Protein backbone atom coordinates (compact mmCIF):
# COMPACT_ATOMS: atom_id res chain seq x y z
CA UNK A 1 182.26 182.98 66.59
CA UNK A 2 181.23 185.59 69.17
CA UNK A 3 177.65 184.22 69.16
CA UNK A 4 178.96 180.79 70.11
CA UNK A 5 180.89 182.27 73.04
CA UNK A 6 177.74 183.99 74.34
CA UNK A 7 175.74 180.78 73.97
CA UNK A 8 178.35 178.71 75.83
CA UNK A 9 178.64 181.35 78.55
CA UNK A 10 174.88 181.40 79.10
CA UNK A 11 174.77 177.60 79.07
CA UNK A 12 177.40 177.46 81.80
CA UNK A 13 175.62 180.14 83.82
CA UNK A 14 172.39 178.11 83.54
CA UNK A 15 174.11 174.91 84.67
CA UNK A 16 175.49 176.76 87.71
CA UNK A 17 172.01 178.23 88.46
CA UNK A 18 173.21 181.81 88.03
CA UNK A 19 170.48 182.75 85.54
CA UNK A 20 166.82 181.87 85.09
CA UNK A 21 164.43 181.43 82.17
CA UNK A 22 163.39 185.09 82.24
CA UNK A 23 167.00 186.17 81.81
CA UNK A 24 167.39 183.82 78.85
CA UNK A 25 164.25 185.28 77.29
CA UNK A 26 165.78 188.75 77.59
CA UNK A 27 168.86 187.51 75.76
CA UNK A 28 166.67 186.25 72.91
CA UNK A 29 164.96 189.65 72.66
CA UNK A 30 168.38 191.34 72.59
CA UNK A 31 169.47 188.97 69.80
CA UNK A 32 172.34 187.40 71.74
CA UNK A 33 170.91 183.88 71.35
CA UNK A 34 168.05 182.45 69.33
CA UNK A 35 164.98 180.48 70.46
CA UNK A 36 166.62 177.16 69.52
CA UNK A 37 169.66 177.87 71.66
CA UNK A 38 167.41 178.95 74.52
CA UNK A 39 165.48 175.67 74.27
CA UNK A 40 168.71 173.65 74.40
CA UNK A 41 169.90 175.58 77.45
CA UNK A 42 166.60 175.06 79.26
CA UNK A 43 166.76 171.27 78.92
CA UNK A 44 170.32 171.14 80.25
CA UNK A 45 170.71 169.77 83.78
CA UNK A 46 171.53 172.17 86.56
CA UNK A 47 173.75 171.50 89.56
CA UNK A 48 172.01 170.53 92.78
């Protein structure tokens, strides 16, 4: 369940433009999210 919370948190931070792709890549390396979750986050729309 904790992994889902991290994923949703990062998704929301992406949507609000608080993090970038490099930060997401770091989270994959640290094992907090996987490549599939990163890909889904990257295709999500961001606020303008």
